[in-house]
Protein backbone atom coordinates (compact mmCIF):
# COMPACT_ATOMS: atom_id res chain seq x y z
CA MET A 1 -22.05 -31.88 -31.24
CA ARG A 2 -25.76 -32.29 -31.18
CA ARG A 3 -27.77 -35.05 -29.49
CA GLY A 4 -31.52 -34.86 -29.82
CA GLY A 5 -32.78 -31.65 -28.69
CA ARG A 6 -29.72 -30.83 -26.61
CA VAL A 7 -26.12 -29.51 -27.74
CA THR A 8 -23.11 -30.79 -26.01
CA ASN A 9 -20.24 -28.37 -25.21
CA ARG A 10 -16.46 -29.16 -24.92
CA ASN A 11 -16.87 -30.34 -21.32
CA HIS A 12 -19.40 -32.66 -22.54
CA GLN A 13 -22.08 -31.11 -20.55
CA PRO A 14 -25.46 -31.05 -22.40
CA ARG A 15 -27.40 -27.70 -22.64
CA LEU A 16 -31.07 -27.38 -23.87
CA ALA A 17 -31.65 -25.86 -27.35
CA THR A 18 -32.97 -22.24 -27.11
CA THR A 19 -36.65 -21.74 -27.70
CA PRO A 20 -37.28 -20.45 -31.15
CA ALA A 21 -38.41 -16.74 -31.12
CA PRO A 22 -42.19 -16.65 -32.01
CA ALA A 23 -43.87 -13.92 -34.16
CA GLY A 24 -45.76 -11.50 -32.19
CA GLY A 25 -47.71 -8.20 -32.93
CA ALA A 26 -51.25 -9.42 -32.39
CA TYR A 27 -51.65 -7.11 -29.62
CA GLN A 28 -51.83 -3.40 -30.75
CA PRO A 29 -52.55 -0.97 -27.86
CA LEU A 30 -52.67 2.01 -30.21
CA SER A 31 -55.11 2.44 -33.22
CA ASP A 32 -53.54 3.11 -36.53
CA GLY A 33 -54.41 6.93 -36.32
CA ASP A 34 -53.05 7.37 -32.63
CA ARG A 35 -49.76 5.39 -33.70
CA ASP A 36 -49.30 7.80 -36.52
CA ALA A 37 -50.12 11.04 -34.45
CA LEU A 38 -47.42 9.80 -31.95
CA ILE A 39 -44.82 9.42 -34.61
CA ASP A 40 -45.62 12.63 -36.28
CA HIS A 41 -45.26 14.32 -32.95
CA ALA A 42 -41.90 12.82 -32.44
CA PHE A 43 -40.91 14.23 -35.68
CA THR A 44 -42.21 17.70 -34.84
CA ILE A 45 -40.16 17.57 -31.35
CA LEU A 46 -36.93 17.08 -33.25
CA GLU A 47 -37.73 19.81 -35.63
CA GLN A 48 -38.98 22.32 -33.23
CA VAL A 49 -37.38 21.45 -29.87
CA GLY A 50 -34.27 19.35 -30.98
CA MET A 51 -31.56 17.93 -29.06
CA ALA A 52 -28.90 19.54 -26.63
CA GLY A 53 -25.77 18.21 -25.27
CA ALA A 54 -23.77 17.15 -28.44
CA PRO A 55 -20.02 17.54 -28.19
CA SER A 56 -18.83 19.85 -30.74
CA ARG A 57 -17.35 17.10 -32.94
CA TYR A 58 -20.87 15.41 -33.32
CA ALA A 59 -22.76 18.47 -33.50
CA ALA A 60 -20.68 19.58 -36.51
CA ARG A 61 -21.39 16.21 -38.22
CA LEU A 62 -24.97 16.57 -37.61
CA LYS A 63 -25.12 20.15 -38.92
CA ASP A 64 -23.31 18.85 -42.02
CA LEU A 65 -26.23 16.40 -42.48
CA GLY A 66 -28.87 19.03 -42.21
CA ALA A 67 -29.21 19.87 -38.51
CA ILE A 68 -30.09 23.60 -37.62
CA GLU A 69 -28.36 25.20 -34.45
CA ARG A 70 -30.85 27.23 -32.80
CA ASP A 71 -29.76 30.51 -30.83
CA ASP A 72 -29.80 28.66 -27.55
CA GLY A 73 -27.41 25.82 -29.00
CA ARG A 74 -30.02 23.03 -29.36
CA LEU A 75 -29.76 21.24 -32.52
CA LEU A 76 -33.06 20.96 -34.68
CA LEU A 77 -33.26 17.89 -36.90
CA PRO A 78 -35.48 18.35 -39.77
CA ARG A 79 -37.83 15.51 -40.68
CA PRO A 80 -36.18 14.79 -44.07
CA MET A 81 -32.66 14.42 -42.28
CA VAL A 82 -34.20 12.01 -39.87
CA GLU A 83 -35.91 10.07 -42.48
CA ALA A 84 -32.83 9.84 -44.73
CA ALA A 85 -30.91 8.45 -41.64
CA LEU A 86 -33.81 5.95 -41.15
CA GLY A 87 -33.53 4.88 -44.72
CA ARG A 88 -29.84 4.19 -44.47
CA ALA A 89 -30.27 2.16 -41.15
CA PRO A 90 -30.65 -1.48 -41.29
CA SER A 91 -34.14 -2.76 -40.61
CA SER A 92 -32.81 -6.01 -39.21
CA VAL A 93 -29.51 -6.94 -37.34
CA SER A 94 -27.85 -10.31 -37.11
CA LEU A 95 -26.50 -10.71 -33.49
CA PRO A 96 -24.01 -13.70 -33.42
CA GLY A 97 -23.38 -15.80 -30.29
CA PHE A 98 -20.06 -16.90 -29.16
CA CYS A 99 -21.26 -20.38 -30.58
CA GLU A 100 -22.65 -19.84 -33.99
CA ASP A 101 -25.74 -22.06 -33.37
CA ARG A 102 -26.83 -19.53 -30.61
CA GLY A 103 -27.06 -16.24 -33.11
CA ILE A 104 -30.25 -14.62 -33.41
CA THR A 105 -31.78 -11.94 -35.78
CA ILE A 106 -33.19 -8.73 -34.38
CA GLY A 107 -36.07 -6.94 -36.49
CA ARG A 108 -39.25 -8.50 -37.07
CA GLU A 109 -37.80 -11.82 -36.70
CA GLY A 110 -39.65 -13.03 -33.53
CA VAL A 111 -39.84 -11.95 -29.86
CA HIS A 112 -36.50 -12.58 -28.14
CA ILE A 113 -36.21 -12.31 -24.42
CA GLY A 114 -32.93 -11.37 -22.31
CA THR A 115 -31.48 -9.83 -19.38
CA GLY A 116 -30.09 -6.39 -18.84
CA GLY A 117 -29.76 -3.69 -16.00
CA ALA A 118 -27.18 -2.55 -13.36
CA ALA A 119 -28.25 -4.22 -10.16
CA VAL A 120 -26.04 -3.28 -7.22
CA LEU A 121 -27.29 -5.91 -4.79
CA THR A 122 -27.70 -9.75 -5.09
CA LEU A 123 -30.30 -11.83 -3.04
CA GLU A 124 -28.59 -14.63 -1.42
CA GLY A 125 -30.51 -17.84 -2.29
CA ALA A 126 -29.78 -19.61 1.05
CA THR A 127 -30.12 -16.83 3.48
CA GLY A 128 -32.57 -14.31 1.87
CA ALA A 129 -30.07 -11.69 2.65
CA TYR A 130 -29.19 -8.74 0.44
CA ARG A 131 -25.48 -7.81 -0.39
CA ASP A 132 -23.27 -5.96 -2.83
CA SER A 133 -23.08 -7.65 -6.17
CA THR A 134 -19.74 -9.16 -6.92
CA LEU A 135 -17.91 -10.35 -10.07
CA THR A 136 -18.58 -13.92 -9.18
CA ASP A 137 -22.19 -13.22 -8.94
CA LEU A 138 -22.13 -11.80 -12.46
CA TRP A 139 -20.46 -14.97 -13.63
CA THR A 140 -23.08 -17.05 -11.91
CA MET A 141 -25.86 -14.99 -13.35
CA MET A 142 -24.63 -15.37 -16.96
CA ARG A 143 -23.85 -19.21 -16.31
CA VAL A 144 -27.34 -19.74 -15.26
CA LEU A 145 -28.68 -17.76 -18.18
CA ASP A 146 -26.66 -19.99 -20.60
CA GLU A 147 -28.88 -23.02 -19.26
CA CYS A 148 -32.15 -21.21 -19.61
CA PRO A 149 -33.73 -22.26 -22.97
CA ASN A 150 -36.35 -19.41 -23.02
CA ILE A 151 -33.72 -16.57 -22.50
CA HIS A 152 -32.13 -15.77 -25.76
CA TYR A 153 -29.39 -13.18 -24.83
CA GLY A 154 -27.58 -11.83 -21.87
CA LEU A 155 -26.97 -8.09 -21.33
CA ARG A 156 -24.88 -7.50 -18.04
CA PRO A 157 -27.57 -7.78 -15.40
CA LEU A 158 -25.49 -6.57 -12.43
CA VAL A 159 -22.53 -4.10 -11.33
CA ALA A 160 -19.53 -6.09 -9.76
CA ARG A 161 -19.12 -3.66 -6.86
CA ASP A 162 -15.96 -5.52 -5.80
CA VAL A 163 -14.14 -4.04 -8.73
CA THR A 164 -13.37 -0.30 -8.27
CA ASP A 165 -11.07 0.47 -11.22
CA GLU A 166 -13.03 1.43 -14.29
CA LEU A 167 -10.91 -0.34 -16.80
CA ALA A 168 -10.67 -3.45 -14.58
CA LEU A 169 -14.47 -3.35 -14.31
CA ASP A 170 -15.20 -3.16 -17.90
CA LEU A 171 -12.61 -5.83 -18.81
CA ASN A 172 -13.79 -8.31 -16.15
CA THR A 173 -17.30 -7.82 -16.88
CA ALA A 174 -16.70 -8.53 -20.54
CA PHE A 175 -14.59 -11.74 -19.48
CA ALA A 176 -17.28 -12.98 -17.19
CA ASN A 177 -20.11 -12.53 -19.69
CA THR A 178 -18.10 -14.47 -22.36
CA ALA A 179 -16.69 -17.18 -20.13
CA ALA A 180 -20.01 -17.86 -18.56
CA SER A 181 -22.51 -17.73 -21.65
CA SER A 182 -22.21 -18.78 -25.37
CA LYS A 183 -25.25 -16.77 -26.07
CA PRO A 184 -25.19 -13.18 -27.54
CA THR A 185 -24.40 -10.95 -24.86
CA GLY A 186 -23.89 -7.15 -24.11
CA ILE A 187 -21.79 -4.88 -22.12
CA SER A 188 -22.00 -1.10 -20.86
CA PHE A 189 -18.70 0.89 -20.61
CA THR A 190 -17.67 3.09 -17.94
CA SER A 191 -15.85 5.28 -20.59
CA ALA A 192 -14.87 5.29 -24.23
CA ALA A 193 -11.25 4.45 -23.16
CA SER A 194 -12.57 0.80 -22.30
CA VAL A 195 -13.89 0.04 -25.68
CA GLY A 196 -10.37 -0.85 -27.41
CA PRO A 197 -9.36 -3.14 -24.54
CA VAL A 198 -12.68 -4.87 -24.20
CA VAL A 199 -12.49 -5.81 -28.12
CA ASP A 200 -8.90 -7.02 -27.86
CA LEU A 201 -10.16 -9.26 -25.16
CA PHE A 202 -12.82 -10.52 -27.31
CA ASP A 203 -10.34 -11.02 -30.20
CA VAL A 204 -8.25 -13.13 -27.99
CA ALA A 205 -11.36 -15.16 -26.83
CA LEU A 206 -12.06 -15.94 -30.47
CA GLY A 207 -8.71 -16.85 -31.43
CA GLY A 208 -6.81 -13.95 -33.04
CA GLU A 209 -6.73 -10.20 -34.00
CA GLY A 210 -9.81 -9.06 -35.98
CA ARG A 211 -12.02 -12.07 -35.21
CA PHE A 212 -14.49 -10.04 -33.08
CA ALA A 213 -15.25 -7.54 -36.04
CA ARG A 214 -16.36 -10.93 -38.14
CA GLN A 215 -18.35 -12.30 -35.23
CA PRO A 216 -19.40 -9.44 -32.97
CA PHE A 217 -21.05 -11.66 -30.19
CA SER A 218 -21.19 -8.86 -27.62
CA MET A 219 -23.28 -5.59 -28.11
CA ALA A 220 -22.27 -2.33 -26.83
CA VAL A 221 -25.02 -0.79 -24.85
CA VAL A 222 -24.89 3.03 -25.03
CA VAL A 223 -27.04 5.19 -23.04
CA HIS A 224 -26.73 7.98 -25.69
CA VAL A 225 -29.46 10.34 -24.39
CA VAL A 226 -30.26 11.81 -21.14
CA PRO A 227 -34.03 12.64 -21.02
CA PRO A 228 -35.51 15.05 -21.75
CA LEU A 229 -33.97 15.45 -25.11
CA ARG A 230 -30.29 15.90 -24.25
CA PHE A 231 -27.41 13.84 -25.75
CA SER A 232 -24.97 12.22 -23.32
CA PRO A 233 -21.65 13.56 -24.19
CA GLU A 234 -19.95 10.47 -22.90
CA GLY A 235 -22.60 8.28 -24.78
CA CYS A 236 -21.70 9.84 -27.81
CA GLN A 237 -17.86 9.00 -27.35
CA ILE A 238 -18.75 5.50 -26.44
CA MET A 239 -20.98 4.98 -29.42
CA ALA A 240 -18.16 6.23 -31.74
CA SER A 241 -15.55 4.04 -30.28
CA ALA A 242 -17.72 0.99 -30.34
CA ILE A 243 -18.75 1.64 -33.99
CA GLU A 244 -15.09 1.96 -35.07
CA ARG A 245 -14.13 -1.43 -33.37
CA GLY A 246 -16.94 -3.13 -35.07
CA MET A 247 -19.28 -3.48 -32.12
CA ILE A 248 -23.09 -3.73 -32.67
CA VAL A 249 -24.61 -0.81 -30.73
CA GLN A 250 -27.68 -0.77 -28.60
CA THR A 251 -28.88 2.80 -27.71
CA CYS A 252 -31.07 3.47 -25.03
CA SER A 253 -33.90 6.08 -24.31
CA ALA A 254 -35.26 5.82 -20.78
CA GLY A 255 -37.59 8.67 -19.99
CA GLN A 256 -39.73 8.40 -16.88
CA ALA A 257 -43.28 9.73 -17.33
CA GLY A 258 -44.03 12.41 -15.12
CA ALA A 259 -40.29 13.21 -14.26
CA THR A 260 -37.99 13.20 -17.19
CA SER A 261 -40.69 12.81 -19.97
CA PRO A 262 -44.40 14.34 -20.15
CA PRO A 263 -46.97 12.80 -17.61
CA SER A 264 -49.24 11.48 -20.09
CA LEU A 265 -48.49 8.08 -21.56
CA ALA A 266 -48.97 9.57 -25.10
CA GLY A 267 -46.59 12.49 -24.50
CA SER A 268 -44.01 10.07 -23.02
CA LEU A 269 -44.19 7.78 -25.84
CA ALA A 270 -43.73 10.46 -28.32
CA GLN A 271 -40.85 12.00 -26.69
CA GLY A 272 -39.08 8.62 -26.34
CA VAL A 273 -39.66 7.98 -29.95
CA ALA A 274 -37.91 11.36 -30.65
CA GLU A 275 -34.92 10.45 -28.50
CA VAL A 276 -34.54 7.05 -30.23
CA LEU A 277 -34.77 8.69 -33.63
CA ALA A 278 -32.00 11.01 -32.45
CA GLY A 279 -30.04 7.93 -31.72
CA VAL A 280 -30.52 6.76 -35.20
CA VAL A 281 -29.46 10.18 -36.65
CA LEU A 282 -26.30 10.15 -34.19
CA ALA A 283 -25.26 6.47 -35.41
CA ASP A 284 -25.67 7.59 -39.05
CA SER A 285 -23.67 10.57 -38.56
CA ILE A 286 -20.80 8.37 -37.43
CA LYS A 287 -21.07 5.57 -39.83
CA PRO A 288 -24.09 5.38 -42.14
CA GLY A 289 -25.68 1.87 -42.16
CA HIS A 290 -23.99 0.42 -39.12
CA PRO A 291 -25.85 -2.13 -37.36
CA CYS A 292 -27.92 -0.68 -34.38
CA ILE A 293 -30.66 -1.73 -32.16
CA HIS A 294 -32.47 0.84 -30.29
CA ALA A 295 -33.93 0.19 -26.55
CA PHE A 296 -36.98 2.26 -26.03
CA MET A 297 -38.02 1.98 -22.52
CA PRO A 298 -40.80 4.22 -21.38
CA PHE A 299 -40.52 4.13 -17.61
CA ILE A 300 -43.34 5.16 -15.41
CA SER A 301 -43.29 7.22 -12.21
CA ASP A 302 -45.49 6.57 -9.13
CA LEU A 303 -46.72 10.20 -8.86
CA ARG A 304 -47.48 9.88 -5.36
CA SER A 305 -43.72 9.58 -4.50
CA GLY A 306 -41.89 10.11 -7.82
CA ALA A 307 -40.41 6.69 -7.74
CA MET A 308 -40.05 4.65 -10.85
CA THR A 309 -42.67 1.88 -11.15
CA GLY A 310 -41.79 -0.83 -13.71
CA GLY A 311 -44.37 -3.40 -12.63
CA SER A 312 -47.58 -1.18 -13.05
CA GLY A 313 -50.32 -1.58 -15.81
CA GLU A 314 -49.08 1.51 -17.33
CA ALA A 315 -45.67 0.30 -17.72
CA ALA A 316 -46.90 -2.77 -19.35
CA VAL A 317 -48.99 -0.96 -21.84
CA ALA A 318 -46.45 1.70 -22.57
CA SER A 319 -43.79 -1.13 -23.26
CA ALA A 320 -46.26 -2.69 -25.65
CA ALA A 321 -47.10 0.68 -27.49
CA ALA A 322 -43.29 1.15 -27.71
CA ALA A 323 -42.84 -2.02 -29.56
CA GLN A 324 -45.78 -1.05 -31.86
CA LEU A 325 -44.15 2.42 -32.57
CA MET A 326 -40.73 0.83 -33.14
CA ALA A 327 -42.06 -1.88 -35.46
CA THR A 328 -43.96 0.81 -37.54
CA LEU A 329 -40.68 2.64 -38.15
CA GLU A 330 -38.89 -0.53 -38.87
CA ILE A 331 -36.46 0.10 -36.20
CA PRO A 332 -34.72 -3.17 -34.57
CA HIS A 333 -35.51 -2.55 -30.91
CA ALA A 334 -35.72 -3.63 -27.27
CA VAL A 335 -38.41 -2.74 -24.73
CA SER A 336 -38.26 -3.24 -20.83
CA ALA A 337 -40.72 -5.65 -19.34
CA GLY A 338 -40.76 -7.91 -16.16
CA ILE A 339 -39.61 -5.17 -13.93
CA THR A 340 -41.22 -5.64 -10.29
CA GLU A 341 -41.16 -3.58 -7.36
CA SER A 342 -41.27 -6.81 -5.12
CA LYS A 343 -38.11 -7.63 -3.23
CA THR A 344 -38.56 -11.31 -3.26
CA ALA A 345 -40.35 -14.17 -5.07
CA ASP A 346 -43.89 -13.55 -4.07
CA SER A 347 -47.06 -13.08 -5.83
CA GLN A 348 -46.49 -9.33 -6.52
CA ALA A 349 -43.39 -10.53 -8.49
CA GLY A 350 -45.10 -13.03 -10.33
CA TYR A 351 -48.03 -10.88 -11.46
CA GLU A 352 -46.11 -7.72 -12.35
CA LYS A 353 -43.49 -9.70 -14.14
CA GLY A 354 -46.09 -11.87 -15.98
CA TYR A 355 -48.33 -9.38 -17.72
CA THR A 356 -45.71 -6.80 -18.46
CA VAL A 357 -43.77 -9.55 -20.32
CA ALA A 358 -46.86 -10.90 -21.87
CA LEU A 359 -48.01 -7.68 -23.26
CA ALA A 360 -44.57 -6.66 -24.69
CA ALA A 361 -44.21 -10.27 -26.38
CA HIS A 362 -47.77 -10.14 -27.71
CA ALA A 363 -47.19 -6.67 -29.08
CA GLY A 364 -44.29 -8.13 -31.17
CA ALA A 365 -41.07 -6.56 -29.32
CA ASP A 366 -37.93 -7.71 -31.03
CA MET A 367 -36.22 -7.86 -27.65
CA VAL A 368 -37.70 -7.91 -24.12
CA GLN A 369 -35.08 -7.11 -21.67
CA LEU A 370 -33.82 -5.62 -18.44
CA SER A 371 -35.59 -7.46 -15.93
CA VAL A 372 -35.64 -11.24 -15.89
CA GLY A 373 -33.84 -12.46 -12.81
CA MET A 374 -34.28 -9.01 -11.25
CA LEU A 375 -36.36 -7.64 -8.21
CA GLY A 376 -36.67 -4.40 -6.20
CA SER A 377 -37.03 -2.20 -9.21
CA ILE A 378 -34.16 -3.75 -11.12
CA MET A 379 -31.75 -2.99 -8.16
CA VAL A 380 -31.38 -6.56 -6.95
CA ALA A 381 -30.19 -9.69 -9.06
CA SER A 382 -30.92 -13.28 -8.32
CA PRO A 383 -30.06 -16.46 -10.18
CA GLU A 384 -32.99 -18.28 -8.55
CA ILE A 385 -35.41 -15.69 -9.96
CA LEU A 386 -33.83 -16.15 -13.27
CA VAL A 387 -34.71 -19.67 -13.44
CA ILE A 388 -37.95 -19.12 -12.04
CA ASP A 389 -38.57 -16.32 -14.93
CA ASN A 390 -37.28 -18.72 -17.45
CA ASP A 391 -40.27 -21.00 -16.80
CA MET A 392 -42.60 -17.90 -16.96
CA CYS A 393 -41.03 -16.80 -20.27
CA GLY A 394 -41.48 -20.36 -21.63
CA ALA A 395 -45.16 -20.12 -21.25
CA ILE A 396 -45.47 -16.47 -22.38
CA LEU A 397 -43.37 -17.47 -25.77
CA ARG A 398 -45.80 -20.40 -26.05
CA SER A 399 -48.79 -17.90 -25.83
CA VAL A 400 -47.24 -15.71 -28.52
CA ARG A 401 -47.07 -18.75 -30.84
CA GLY A 402 -50.91 -18.97 -30.48
CA VAL A 403 -53.01 -21.82 -31.96
CA GLU A 404 -51.54 -23.63 -35.03
CA VAL A 405 -54.27 -24.86 -37.30
CA LYS A 406 -53.26 -27.65 -39.85
CA PRO A 407 -55.39 -30.09 -41.82
CA ASP A 408 -54.12 -33.11 -39.91
CA TYR A 409 -55.04 -31.55 -36.55
CA LEU A 410 -58.66 -31.54 -37.81
CA ASN A 411 -58.81 -35.27 -38.62
CA ILE A 412 -62.14 -36.83 -38.23
CA ASP A 413 -60.78 -40.22 -38.40
CA ILE A 414 -58.62 -39.72 -35.32
CA ILE A 415 -61.82 -38.57 -33.42
CA ASN A 416 -63.82 -41.51 -34.57
CA GLU A 417 -60.88 -43.89 -33.53
CA ALA A 418 -61.09 -42.47 -29.94
CA VAL A 419 -64.79 -42.61 -29.58
CA THR A 420 -65.16 -46.14 -30.79
CA GLY A 421 -62.13 -47.38 -29.18
CA GLU A 422 -60.50 -46.71 -25.72
CA GLY A 423 -62.37 -43.25 -25.24
CA HIS A 424 -59.47 -41.17 -24.93
CA TYR A 425 -56.54 -39.91 -27.14
CA LEU A 426 -53.61 -40.53 -24.55
CA GLY A 427 -52.05 -43.40 -26.35
CA HIS A 428 -52.73 -42.07 -29.70
CA THR A 429 -49.80 -41.72 -32.35
CA GLN A 430 -50.84 -37.99 -32.93
CA THR A 431 -50.70 -37.36 -29.25
CA LEU A 432 -47.05 -38.82 -28.88
CA GLU A 433 -45.91 -36.85 -31.97
CA LEU A 434 -47.19 -33.57 -30.48
CA MET A 435 -46.14 -33.81 -27.05
CA ARG A 436 -43.01 -31.73 -27.53
CA SER A 437 -43.98 -29.43 -30.31
CA GLU A 438 -47.45 -28.54 -29.35
CA TYR A 439 -46.99 -28.24 -25.46
CA VAL A 440 -44.28 -26.53 -23.29
CA TYR A 441 -43.53 -28.03 -19.81
CA PRO A 442 -42.06 -26.11 -16.90
CA GLN A 443 -38.67 -26.98 -15.50
CA LEU A 444 -39.71 -25.73 -12.08
CA GLY A 445 -43.35 -25.45 -11.91
CA ASP A 446 -45.04 -28.18 -9.85
CA ARG A 447 -47.94 -29.96 -11.60
CA ALA A 448 -48.35 -32.82 -9.23
CA SER A 449 -51.42 -33.56 -6.91
CA VAL A 450 -51.58 -31.92 -3.58
CA ASP A 451 -51.08 -35.32 -2.09
CA ASP A 452 -48.17 -36.22 -4.15
CA TRP A 453 -46.62 -32.70 -3.23
CA VAL A 454 -47.20 -33.06 0.38
CA ALA A 455 -45.80 -36.48 0.34
CA ARG A 456 -42.57 -35.05 -1.15
CA GLY A 457 -42.15 -32.56 1.77
CA ALA A 458 -44.18 -29.88 -0.01
CA PRO A 459 -41.28 -28.28 -1.71
CA SER A 460 -41.62 -24.56 -2.43
CA LEU A 461 -40.71 -22.95 -5.83
CA TRP A 462 -37.83 -21.28 -4.26
CA SER A 463 -36.14 -24.40 -2.97
CA ARG A 464 -36.66 -25.90 -6.51
CA ALA A 465 -35.06 -22.84 -7.96
CA ARG A 466 -32.03 -23.08 -5.41
CA ASP A 467 -31.47 -26.61 -6.55
CA ARG A 468 -31.53 -25.89 -10.13
CA VAL A 469 -28.96 -23.09 -9.64
CA ASP A 470 -26.75 -25.21 -7.46
CA GLU A 471 -27.06 -27.81 -10.15
CA ILE A 472 -25.86 -25.50 -12.88
CA VAL A 473 -23.03 -23.81 -10.97
CA ALA A 474 -21.70 -27.28 -9.76
CA ALA A 475 -21.30 -28.30 -13.35
CA GLY A 476 -18.59 -25.84 -13.65
CA ARG A 477 -17.35 -23.81 -16.66
CA PRO A 478 -19.53 -24.41 -19.72
CA GLY A 479 -16.53 -25.12 -22.10
CA HIS A 480 -17.32 -22.92 -24.97
CA LEU A 481 -14.25 -20.61 -24.24
CA SER A 482 -11.37 -22.94 -24.66
CA VAL A 483 -8.74 -23.49 -21.89
CA GLU A 484 -6.10 -22.03 -24.12
CA ALA A 485 -8.20 -18.83 -25.00
CA GLU A 486 -8.80 -18.25 -21.28
CA SER A 487 -5.11 -18.73 -20.38
CA ALA A 488 -4.28 -16.11 -23.07
CA ILE A 489 -6.91 -13.72 -21.77
CA ARG A 490 -5.54 -14.01 -17.91
CA SER A 491 -1.97 -13.52 -19.15
CA ARG A 492 -2.78 -10.32 -21.10
CA PHE A 493 -5.67 -8.80 -19.00
CA PRO A 494 -5.99 -8.19 -15.31
CA ILE A 495 -8.72 -10.78 -14.78
CA LEU A 496 -9.98 -10.91 -10.98
CA LEU A 497 -12.57 -13.73 -11.59
CA PRO A 498 -11.19 -16.96 -9.84
CA GLU A 499 -10.49 -19.82 -12.37
CA ILE A 500 -13.64 -22.09 -12.45
CA ARG A 501 -13.08 -25.72 -13.54
C-alpha cells in the first residue's frame, strides 16, 4: 500500500518510490552526417565481412532469411535482410518488475540506470579488505538496490564464488535477485540447460505455472557475440532457450577498441553497431518480433598496457555515441557507464563515474548499466559504493530533466511580494510547493557547514554509506516474495542462501 511518496511492502517496511526516468538526448556527440556514415559502415561490415561462429542450426535459419555463406564459412548479412529484421523488432520493450508498480519501459521512454556485471571480489565495508564474492553478498547488493530510488533495475552485479555447480549457481543467483528486489532484474546463464529450471523457479515465485511468461520480471542477459564479428555458440543456444520460455532477452556486444575492435573510436563504434544488428537478426531468426534489448558497450583499451579502461574520457564519449546510434536505429538499448579503475571510494572513482554516467544519460541512453556499485574495472562490488552512486545518479537524472519553464514560474507578482515584503522567498507558498518537485536532495551527501560537520565528529562519506547499508540489511527481507512462495522454492530447488527474516 502507498503512503505519501513511499510504498509499503508486506513486512510494513516503507521504500522510496523510484525516480521517474527523464528524457535525454540533448547531448549528441556525432553530427548527423557522421552518425549516418557509421551506421552505413556497419551495414557494409555485415554485407562484406559478415559473422562467423553460428552453430549449423542457426546458420541454416539465417540462410533461409537471406544470409549468404562465404567460401570461408562466414555468413554475409545483406542490408535488406537486416533492415527487415529491424522492421519486425519492437522499438520499445515493457520490462515488468516483480511488483507491478516498479515496471519500466525501454525504448525512447527516458533514461534508466541499473546494475550489472560479474564482479568476483567484494570490498568489505568495515575492514577495507577484498575477498571472493559470495551468494550472501549478491543478496545484500540486490537488497540495497531495492532501496535506492535512483536505480531503476538490477542485473546480477557479481558472481557467487562460493557456489561451484553451474546449475546451482544459476538457480541461486536467480533466487537471490528475486528474493532481494522487487524491481526488474536480470540474470546471466552458465549454459542453456539452466534456463528451464530458472524459469520454473520464477513461476513458483509468482504463484503458478506459466505466470512468468505473463510477467517476465527478469531478463536473460546473453552475450551473443564474441568480438570481432563472431557469434557465441553458447550464446545462441541460451538466447533460443530464453526466448522459448518467454524471457525478455538483452544481447551484448562489448568490443574493446584497439584489442577486439578497431583502434579508432569511429571504427570501434561501427563494428559494435554491426554486432548489435547481428543480434537483432539472430533473435528475429528464432522468433520474429520477440522483445529484446540490445546492450552496446564500446569498451576502450589503455594502449600503453592493453588493459580495459572504462573511466576514461574516450569511454564516456563512446558510450554516449553508442546511445545516439541505437536511438537513430530505434533499437531498445543499454550502454555501459560509471566504470572506474579506482579500487576505493576516492576522487578518481567519483570523477570517472560522474562524467561517464552524465554523458550517457544526457545522450538519452535507454539503460545505463554495468557499473553502479562497482570498483576496480568492474571486478569489485560494494554495497557502500552502490548507495554512494545512488546519490550521484539522483543528481545526474535531475540534470537530464533540465530547466522546466512554466507560466507560473515567471510570475511577476511573486517577485513583487518578495521585494516589497520580507526580502526573500524562503517562506513563500511556491517555494514550499516546489521543494520536492524542483529539487533533489542527497541521502548521503553532507551539506552542513564546516563547523556543524566538525561538531558531529567529521563523519566521512564512507561511514555514512556503511550506516545506510547496515540500516537496509538490518530491516531484513523486503517482503514482496511471500513466505509461502519462498518455502515452495526452497522445497523444490537447491537453495543455498540462508533464510533471512
